[in-house]
Structures are given as structure tokens and as C-alpha cells.
Amino acid sequence: MEVHFTPELEEKLNDLAALSGRPANVWVQDAIAGLVDELAETQNMLDRRYDEIKSGKVKLIPGDEAFARLLERINARGSQSA
């Protein structure tokens, strides 16, 4: 696999490699591995939530009701700090 970076990003990566003593390709591999792990976790969480909604375990809240609840919480916090 080949990955191309903008000159600016490549310069930053090379600077980081020079400062740290770790090769640039190791930084890229670590960054991508972390990103892939996060994406997999997010996908698993979304799959679980979808299954919970589909099974009826979790009830959906209409958008306008959710927004009203959020505004109530914001207003309550604002009045607590005053």
C-alpha cells in the first residue's frame, strides 16, 4: 500500500521523527492502527445500539423532545451557576 501526504504533513512527520528518533513510518503505522481500532470500536457500539433499538430494549425519543430536554438541562445548569 502506498500513501501520499501533502508536503506540509510530510515535513511535520519528518520533524517528529527527527525529534523522537522513531522512524516516520512507525509513527504512521501507530497512528493508523489507533484510528482503525477506534473505528472498529465505534462500529461495534453502533451495531449494539442498533440491535437494542431494533429489539425494543431502547426507546427512541423524538428529536423535538430530545432537544427540549437538552435545553432544560442547559438552563438548569445556567441557573445553578448564577
PDB file of N, CA and C in Angstrom:
ATOM      1  N   MET A   1       0.846  -1.173   0.000  1.00  0.00           N
ATOM      2  CA  MET A   1       0.000   0.000   0.000  1.00  0.00           C
ATOM      3  C   MET A   1       0.892   1.237   0.000  1.00  0.00           C
ATOM      4  N   GLU A   2       0.465   2.205  -0.744  1.00  0.00           N
ATOM      5  CA  GLU A   2       1.209   3.449  -0.832  1.00  0.00           C
ATOM      6  C   GLU A   2       0.317   4.586  -0.358  1.00  0.00           C
ATOM      7  N   VAL A   3       0.878   5.465   0.470  1.00  0.00           N
ATOM      8  CA  VAL A   3       0.135   6.608   0.988  1.00  0.00           C
ATOM      9  C   VAL A   3       0.900   7.870   0.623  1.00  0.00           C
ATOM     10  N   HIS A   4       0.186   8.859   0.146  1.00  0.00           N
ATOM     11  CA  HIS A   4       0.811  10.132  -0.237  1.00  0.00           C
ATOM     12  C   HIS A   4       0.339  11.224   0.713  1.00  0.00           C
ATOM     13  N   PHE A   5       1.266  12.054   1.142  1.00  0.00           N
ATOM     14  CA  PHE A   5       0.962  13.147   2.043  1.00  0.00           C
ATOM     15  C   PHE A   5       1.243  14.473   1.355  1.00  0.00           C
ATOM     16  N   THR A   6       0.599  15.519   1.878  1.00  0.00           N
ATOM     17  CA  THR A   6       0.945  16.857   1.400  1.00  0.00           C
ATOM     18  C   THR A   6       2.371  17.142   1.855  1.00  0.00           C
ATOM     19  N   PRO A   7       3.057  18.026   1.171  1.00  0.00           N
ATOM     20  CA  PRO A   7       4.425  18.357   1.603  1.00  0.00           C
ATOM     21  C   PRO A   7       4.468  18.871   3.045  1.00  0.00           C
ATOM     22  N   GLU A   8       3.444  19.622   3.451  1.00  0.00           N
ATOM     23  CA  GLU A   8       3.414  20.171   4.799  1.00  0.00           C
ATOM     24  C   GLU A   8       3.305  19.056   5.842  1.00  0.00           C
ATOM     25  N   LEU A   9       2.424  18.093   5.599  1.00  0.00           N
ATOM     26  CA  LEU A   9       2.261  16.995   6.541  1.00  0.00           C
ATOM     27  C   LEU A   9       3.507  16.118   6.575  1.00  0.00           C
ATOM     28  N   GLU A  10       4.076  15.883   5.425  1.00  0.00           N
ATOM     29  CA  GLU A  10       5.301  15.074   5.369  1.00  0.00           C
ATOM     30  C   GLU A  10       6.433  15.757   6.141  1.00  0.00           C
ATOM     31  N   GLU A  11       6.518  17.076   6.036  1.00  0.00           N
ATOM     32  CA  GLU A  11       7.554  17.809   6.770  1.00  0.00           C
ATOM     33  C   GLU A  11       7.319  17.681   8.280  1.00  0.00           C
ATOM     34  N   LYS A  12       6.075  17.819   8.719  1.00  0.00           N
ATOM     35  CA  LYS A  12       5.766  17.667  10.140  1.00  0.00           C
ATOM     36  C   LYS A  12       6.131  16.266  10.629  1.00  0.00           C
ATOM     37  N   LEU A  13       5.797  15.283   9.833  1.00  0.00           N
ATOM     38  CA  LEU A  13       6.089  13.901  10.187  1.00  0.00           C
ATOM     39  C   LEU A  13       7.594  13.666  10.272  1.00  0.00           C
ATOM     40  N   ASN A  14       8.318  14.188   9.320  1.00  0.00           N
ATOM     41  CA  ASN A  14       9.778  14.050   9.334  1.00  0.00           C
ATOM     42  C   ASN A  14      10.404  14.785  10.515  1.00  0.00           C
ATOM     43  N   ASP A  15       9.854  15.953  10.860  1.00  0.00           N
ATOM     44  CA  ASP A  15      10.343  16.693  12.027  1.00  0.00           C
ATOM     45  C   ASP A  15      10.102  15.884  13.304  1.00  0.00           C
ATOM     46  N   LEU A  16       8.920  15.306  13.414  1.00  0.00           N
ATOM     47  CA  LEU A  16       8.589  14.489  14.576  1.00  0.00           C
ATOM     48  C   LEU A  16       9.520  13.287  14.668  1.00  0.00           C
ATOM     49  N   ALA A  17       9.773  12.672  13.531  1.00  0.00           N
ATOM     50  CA  ALA A  17      10.681  11.518  13.501  1.00  0.00           C
ATOM     51  C   ALA A  17      12.085  11.930  13.946  1.00  0.00           C
ATOM     52  N   ALA A  18      12.550  13.059  13.466  1.00  0.00           N
ATOM     53  CA  ALA A  18      13.892  13.523  13.828  1.00  0.00           C
ATOM     54  C   ALA A  18      13.988  13.842  15.320  1.00  0.00           C
ATOM     55  N   LEU A  19      12.950  14.471  15.870  1.00  0.00           N
ATOM     56  CA  LEU A  19      12.951  14.825  17.286  1.00  0.00           C
ATOM     57  C   LEU A  19      12.862  13.607  18.196  1.00  0.00           C
ATOM     58  N   SER A  20      12.080  12.633  17.770  1.00  0.00           N
ATOM     59  CA  SER A  20      11.812  11.477  18.629  1.00  0.00           C
ATOM     60  C   SER A  20      12.803  10.338  18.448  1.00  0.00           C
ATOM     61  N   GLY A  21      13.437  10.287  17.287  1.00  0.00           N
ATOM     62  CA  GLY A  21      14.317   9.172  16.989  1.00  0.00           C
ATOM     63  C   GLY A  21      13.565   7.945  16.488  1.00  0.00           C
ATOM     64  N   ARG A  22      12.250   8.060  16.339  1.00  0.00           N
ATOM     65  CA  ARG A  22      11.431   6.965  15.791  1.00  0.00           C
ATOM     66  C   ARG A  22      11.216   7.248  14.307  1.00  0.00           C
ATOM     67  N   PRO A  23      11.345   6.260  13.481  1.00  0.00           N
ATOM     68  CA  PRO A  23      11.150   6.472  12.042  1.00  0.00           C
ATOM     69  C   PRO A  23       9.724   6.951  11.729  1.00  0.00           C
ATOM     70  N   ALA A  24       9.609   7.747  10.678  1.00  0.00           N
ATOM     71  CA  ALA A  24       8.317   8.299  10.284  1.00  0.00           C
ATOM     72  C   ALA A  24       7.304   7.191   9.990  1.00  0.00           C
ATOM     73  N   ASN A  25       7.759   6.101   9.362  1.00  0.00           N
ATOM     74  CA  ASN A  25       6.815   5.036   9.027  1.00  0.00           C
ATOM     75  C   ASN A  25       6.230   4.385  10.280  1.00  0.00           C
ATOM     76  N   VAL A  26       6.981   4.370  11.386  1.00  0.00           N
ATOM     77  CA  VAL A  26       6.467   3.816  12.643  1.00  0.00           C
ATOM     78  C   VAL A  26       5.376   4.727  13.202  1.00  0.00           C
ATOM     79  N   TRP A  27       5.603   6.041  13.116  1.00  0.00           N
ATOM     80  CA  TRP A  27       4.577   6.989  13.550  1.00  0.00           C
ATOM     81  C   TRP A  27       3.294   6.805  12.747  1.00  0.00           C
ATOM     82  N   VAL A  28       3.431   6.655  11.449  1.00  0.00           N
ATOM     83  CA  VAL A  28       2.251   6.499  10.589  1.00  0.00           C
ATOM     84  C   VAL A  28       1.531   5.195  10.922  1.00  0.00           C
ATOM     85  N   GLN A  29       2.267   4.111  11.069  1.00  0.00           N
ATOM     86  CA  GLN A  29       1.645   2.822  11.390  1.00  0.00           C
ATOM     87  C   GLN A  29       0.920   2.882  12.730  1.00  0.00           C
ATOM     88  N   ASP A  30       1.537   3.502  13.738  1.00  0.00           N
ATOM     89  CA  ASP A  30       0.892   3.621  15.047  1.00  0.00           C
ATOM     90  C   ASP A  30      -0.381   4.463  14.963  1.00  0.00           C
ATOM     91  N   ALA A  31      -0.301   5.556  14.222  1.00  0.00           N
ATOM     92  CA  ALA A  31      -1.468   6.429  14.090  1.00  0.00           C
ATOM     93  C   ALA A  31      -2.618   5.713  13.383  1.00  0.00           C
ATOM     94  N   ILE A  32      -2.309   5.019  12.311  1.00  0.00           N
ATOM     95  CA  ILE A  32      -3.355   4.306  11.559  1.00  0.00           C
ATOM     96  C   ILE A  32      -3.913   3.155  12.392  1.00  0.00           C
ATOM     97  N   ALA A  33      -3.063   2.445  13.106  1.00  0.00           N
ATOM     98  CA  ALA A  33      -3.533   1.344  13.950  1.00  0.00           C
ATOM     99  C   ALA A  33      -4.501   1.862  15.005  1.00  0.00           C
ATOM    100  N   GLY A  34      -4.173   2.991  15.627  1.00  0.00           N
ATOM    101  CA  GLY A  34      -5.065   3.588  16.617  1.00  0.00           C
ATOM    102  C   GLY A  34      -6.385   4.013  16.007  1.00  0.00           C
ATOM    103  N   LEU A  35      -6.323   4.609  14.835  1.00  0.00           N
ATOM    104  CA  LEU A  35      -7.534   5.049  14.152  1.00  0.00           C
ATOM    105  C   LEU A  35      -8.419   3.864  13.779  1.00  0.00           C
ATOM    106  N   VAL A  36      -7.814   2.812  13.261  1.00  0.00           N
ATOM    107  CA  VAL A  36      -8.576   1.620  12.875  1.00  0.00           C
ATOM    108  C   VAL A  36      -9.232   0.997  14.108  1.00  0.00           C
ATOM    109  N   ASP A  37      -8.514   0.942  15.225  1.00  0.00           N
ATOM    110  CA  ASP A  37      -9.093   0.416  16.463  1.00  0.00           C
ATOM    111  C   ASP A  37     -10.292   1.256  16.906  1.00  0.00           C
ATOM    112  N   GLU A  38     -10.156   2.577  16.863  1.00  0.00           N
ATOM    113  CA  GLU A  38     -11.255   3.466  17.242  1.00  0.00           C
ATOM    114  C   GLU A  38     -12.459   3.279  16.323  1.00  0.00           C
ATOM    115  N   LEU A  39     -12.205   3.165  15.031  1.00  0.00           N
ATOM    116  CA  LEU A  39     -13.305   2.965  14.084  1.00  0.00           C
ATOM    117  C   LEU A  39     -14.013   1.646  14.332  1.00  0.00           C
ATOM    118  N   ALA A  40     -13.253   0.599  14.642  1.00  0.00           N
ATOM    119  CA  ALA A  40     -13.858  -0.705  14.932  1.00  0.00           C
ATOM    120  C   ALA A  40     -14.706  -0.632  16.200  1.00  0.00           C
ATOM    121  N   GLU A  41     -14.213   0.041  17.237  1.00  0.00           N
ATOM    122  CA  GLU A  41     -14.978   0.207  18.471  1.00  0.00           C
ATOM    123  C   GLU A  41     -16.265   0.984  18.215  1.00  0.00           C
ATOM    124  N   THR A  42     -16.163   2.040  17.420  1.00  0.00           N
ATOM    125  CA  THR A  42     -17.341   2.834  17.091  1.00  0.00           C
ATOM    126  C   THR A  42     -18.355   2.006  16.323  1.00  0.00           C
ATOM    127  N   GLN A  43     -17.894   1.223  15.370  1.00  0.00           N
ATOM    128  CA  GLN A  43     -18.802   0.382  14.589  1.00  0.00           C
ATOM    129  C   GLN A  43     -19.489  -0.642  15.487  1.00  0.00           C
ATOM    130  N   ASN A  44     -18.740  -1.251  16.401  1.00  0.00           N
ATOM    131  CA  ASN A  44     -19.335  -2.218  17.332  1.00  0.00           C
ATOM    132  C   ASN A  44     -20.385  -1.564  18.220  1.00  0.00           C
ATOM    133  N   MET A  45     -20.097  -0.357  18.712  1.00  0.00           N
ATOM    134  CA  MET A  45     -21.042   0.362  19.552  1.00  0.00           C
ATOM    135  C   MET A  45     -22.307   0.694  18.766  1.00  0.00           C
ATOM    136  N   LEU A  46     -22.150   1.149  17.542  1.00  0.00           N
ATOM    137  CA  LEU A  46     -23.310   1.469  16.711  1.00  0.00           C
ATOM    138  C   LEU A  46     -24.136   0.224  16.417  1.00  0.00           C
ATOM    139  N   ASP A  47     -23.469  -0.890  16.160  1.00  0.00           N
ATOM    140  CA  ASP A  47     -24.183  -2.150  15.922  1.00  0.00           C
ATOM    141  C   ASP A  47     -24.993  -2.566  17.150  1.00  0.00           C
ATOM    142  N   ARG A  48     -24.375  -2.439  18.339  1.00  0.00           N
ATOM    143  CA  ARG A  48     -25.079  -2.802  19.574  1.00  0.00           C
ATOM    144  C   ARG A  48     -26.284  -1.900  19.797  1.00  0.00           C
ATOM    145  N   ARG A  49     -26.091  -0.600  19.599  1.00  0.00           N
ATOM    146  CA  ARG A  49     -27.200   0.356  19.797  1.00  0.00           C
ATOM    147  C   ARG A  49     -28.321   0.080  18.804  1.00  0.00           C
ATOM    148  N   TYR A  50     -27.977  -0.201  17.565  1.00  0.00           N
ATOM    149  CA  TYR A  50     -28.994  -0.513  16.563  1.00  0.00           C
ATOM    150  C   TYR A  50     -29.772  -1.754  16.978  1.00  0.00           C
ATOM    151  N   ASP A  51     -29.073  -2.783  17.454  1.00  0.00           N
ATOM    152  CA  ASP A  51     -29.740  -4.000  17.907  1.00  0.00           C
ATOM    153  C   ASP A  51     -30.658  -3.721  19.093  1.00  0.00           C
ATOM    154  N   GLU A  52     -30.218  -2.857  20.023  1.00  0.00           N
ATOM    155  CA  GLU A  52     -31.043  -2.503  21.173  1.00  0.00           C
ATOM    156  C   GLU A  52     -32.303  -1.753  20.742  1.00  0.00           C
ATOM    157  N   ILE A  53     -32.171  -0.882  19.776  1.00  0.00           N
ATOM    158  CA  ILE A  53     -33.326  -0.138  19.266  1.00  0.00           C
ATOM    159  C   ILE A  53     -34.267  -1.082  18.532  1.00  0.00           C
ATOM    160  N   LYS A  54     -33.693  -1.903  17.678  1.00  0.00           N
ATOM    161  CA  LYS A  54     -34.496  -2.830  16.876  1.00  0.00           C
ATOM    162  C   LYS A  54     -35.268  -3.818  17.762  1.00  0.00           C
ATOM    163  N   SER A  55     -34.662  -4.262  18.855  1.00  0.00           N
ATOM    164  CA  SER A  55     -35.313  -5.227  19.739  1.00  0.00           C
ATOM    165  C   SER A  55     -36.327  -4.576  20.676  1.00  0.00           C
ATOM    166  N   GLY A  56     -36.321  -3.248  20.755  1.00  0.00           N
ATOM    167  CA  GLY A  56     -37.232  -2.550  21.647  1.00  0.00           C
ATOM    168  C   GLY A  56     -36.666  -2.332  23.036  1.00  0.00           C
ATOM    169  N   LYS A  57     -35.448  -2.775  23.270  1.00  0.00           N
ATOM    170  CA  LYS A  57     -34.800  -2.605  24.567  1.00  0.00           C
ATOM    171  C   LYS A  57     -34.605  -1.127  24.880  1.00  0.00           C
ATOM    172  N   VAL A  58     -34.366  -0.339  23.846  1.00  0.00           N
ATOM    173  CA  VAL A  58     -34.172   1.105  23.978  1.00  0.00           C
ATOM    174  C   VAL A  58     -35.282   1.793  23.198  1.00  0.00           C
ATOM    175  N   LYS A  59     -35.925   2.754  23.838  1.00  0.00           N
ATOM    176  CA  LYS A  59     -36.997   3.500  23.180  1.00  0.00           C
ATOM    177  C   LYS A  59     -36.426   4.788  22.586  1.00  0.00           C
ATOM    178  N   LEU A  60     -36.834   5.076  21.389  1.00  0.00           N
ATOM    179  CA  LEU A  60     -36.396   6.303  20.724  1.00  0.00           C
ATOM    180  C   LEU A  60     -37.158   7.498  21.268  1.00  0.00           C
ATOM    181  N   ILE A  61     -36.497   8.639  21.286  1.00  0.00           N
ATOM    182  CA  ILE A  61     -37.119   9.889  21.710  1.00  0.00           C
ATOM    183  C   ILE A  61     -37.201  10.779  20.480  1.00  0.00           C
ATOM    184  N   PRO A  62     -38.380  11.324  20.190  1.00  0.00           N
ATOM    185  CA  PRO A  62     -38.489  12.236  19.045  1.00  0.00           C
ATOM    186  C   PRO A  62     -37.506  13.401  19.183  1.00  0.00           C
ATOM    187  N   GLY A  63     -37.008  13.861  18.069  1.00  0.00           N
ATOM    188  CA  GLY A  63     -35.992  14.909  18.061  1.00  0.00           C
ATOM    189  C   GLY A  63     -36.390  16.160  18.812  1.00  0.00           C
ATOM    190  N   ASP A  64     -37.631  16.619  18.637  1.00  0.00           N
ATOM    191  CA  ASP A  64     -38.053  17.845  19.311  1.00  0.00           C
ATOM    192  C   ASP A  64     -38.096  17.647  20.827  1.00  0.00           C
ATOM    193  N   GLU A  65     -38.485  16.461  21.278  1.00  0.00           N
ATOM    194  CA  GLU A  65     -38.494  16.173  22.711  1.00  0.00           C
ATOM    195  C   GLU A  65     -37.066  16.102  23.252  1.00  0.00           C
ATOM    196  N   ALA A  66     -36.172  15.470  22.516  1.00  0.00           N
ATOM    197  CA  ALA A  66     -34.772  15.374  22.942  1.00  0.00           C
ATOM    198  C   ALA A  66     -34.157  16.770  23.032  1.00  0.00           C
ATOM    199  N   PHE A  67     -34.466  17.604  22.074  1.00  0.00           N
ATOM    200  CA  PHE A  67     -33.933  18.969  22.065  1.00  0.00           C
ATOM    201  C   PHE A  67     -34.478  19.752  23.255  1.00  0.00           C
ATOM    202  N   ALA A  68     -35.772  19.594  23.552  1.00  0.00           N
ATOM    203  CA  ALA A  68     -36.370  20.284  24.700  1.00  0.00           C
ATOM    204  C   ALA A  68     -35.709  19.831  26.002  1.00  0.00           C
ATOM    205  N   ARG A  69     -35.453  18.540  26.135  1.00  0.00           N
ATOM    206  CA  ARG A  69     -34.776  18.024  27.334  1.00  0.00           C
ATOM    207  C   ARG A  69     -33.377  18.615  27.465  1.00  0.00           C
ATOM    208  N   LEU A  70     -32.683  18.697  26.352  1.00  0.00           N
ATOM    209  CA  LEU A  70     -31.338  19.261  26.351  1.00  0.00           C
ATOM    210  C   LEU A  70     -31.371  20.723  26.788  1.00  0.00           C
ATOM    211  N   LEU A  71     -32.312  21.486  26.260  1.00  0.00           N
ATOM    212  CA  LEU A  71     -32.430  22.896  26.649  1.00  0.00           C
ATOM    213  C   LEU A  71     -32.740  23.030  28.135  1.00  0.00           C
ATOM    214  N   GLU A  72     -33.592  22.148  28.664  1.00  0.00           N
ATOM    215  CA  GLU A  72     -33.895  22.175  30.094  1.00  0.00           C
ATOM    216  C   GLU A  72     -32.633  21.962  30.922  1.00  0.00           C
ATOM    217  N   ARG A  73     -31.818  20.999  30.515  1.00  0.00           N
ATOM    218  CA  ARG A  73     -30.574  20.727  31.251  1.00  0.00           C
ATOM    219  C   ARG A  73     -29.625  21.910  31.191  1.00  0.00           C
ATOM    220  N   ILE A  74     -29.527  22.509  30.012  1.00  0.00           N
ATOM    221  CA  ILE A  74     -28.640  23.669  29.848  1.00  0.00           C
ATOM    222  C   ILE A  74     -29.129  24.812  30.725  1.00  0.00           C
ATOM    223  N   ASN A  75     -30.416  25.064  30.702  1.00  0.00           N
ATOM    224  CA  ASN A  75     -30.975  26.150  31.510  1.00  0.00           C
ATOM    225  C   ASN A  75     -30.828  25.872  32.994  1.00  0.00           C
ATOM    226  N   ALA A  76     -31.006  24.617  33.402  1.00  0.00           N
ATOM    227  CA  ALA A  76     -30.844  24.264  34.811  1.00  0.00           C
ATOM    228  C   ALA A  76     -29.407  24.482  35.264  1.00  0.00           C
ATOM    229  N   ARG A  77     -28.452  24.126  34.452  1.00  0.00           N
ATOM    230  CA  ARG A  77     -27.051  24.338  34.801  1.00  0.00           C
ATOM    231  C   ARG A  77     -26.723  25.823  34.872  1.00  0.00           C
ATOM    232  N   GLY A  78     -27.312  26.577  33.942  1.00  0.00           N
ATOM    233  CA  GLY A  78     -27.074  28.010  33.936  1.00  0.00           C
ATOM    234  C   GLY A  78     -27.611  28.681  35.183  1.00  0.00           C
ATOM    235  N   SER A  79     -28.764  28.228  35.668  1.00  0.00           N
ATOM    236  CA  SER A  79     -29.348  28.847  36.864  1.00  0.00           C
ATOM    237  C   SER A  79     -28.631  28.385  38.121  1.00  0.00           C
ATOM    238  N   GLN A  80     -27.975  27.224  38.097  1.00  0.00           N
ATOM    239  CA  GLN A  80     -27.233  26.737  39.255  1.00  0.00           C
ATOM    240  C   GLN A  80     -25.958  27.555  39.483  1.00  0.00           C
ATOM    241  N   SER A  81     -25.337  27.984  38.374  1.00  0.00           N
ATOM    242  CA  SER A  81     -24.075  28.709  38.494  1.00  0.00           C
ATOM    243  C   SER A  81     -24.284  30.193  38.753  1.00  0.00           C
ATOM    244  N   ALA A  82     -25.507  30.655  38.654  1.00  0.00           N
ATOM    245  CA  ALA A  82     -25.767  32.085  38.844  1.00  0.00           C
ATOM    246  C   ALA A  82     -25.885  32.455  40.298  1.00  0.00           C
TER     247      ALA A  82
END
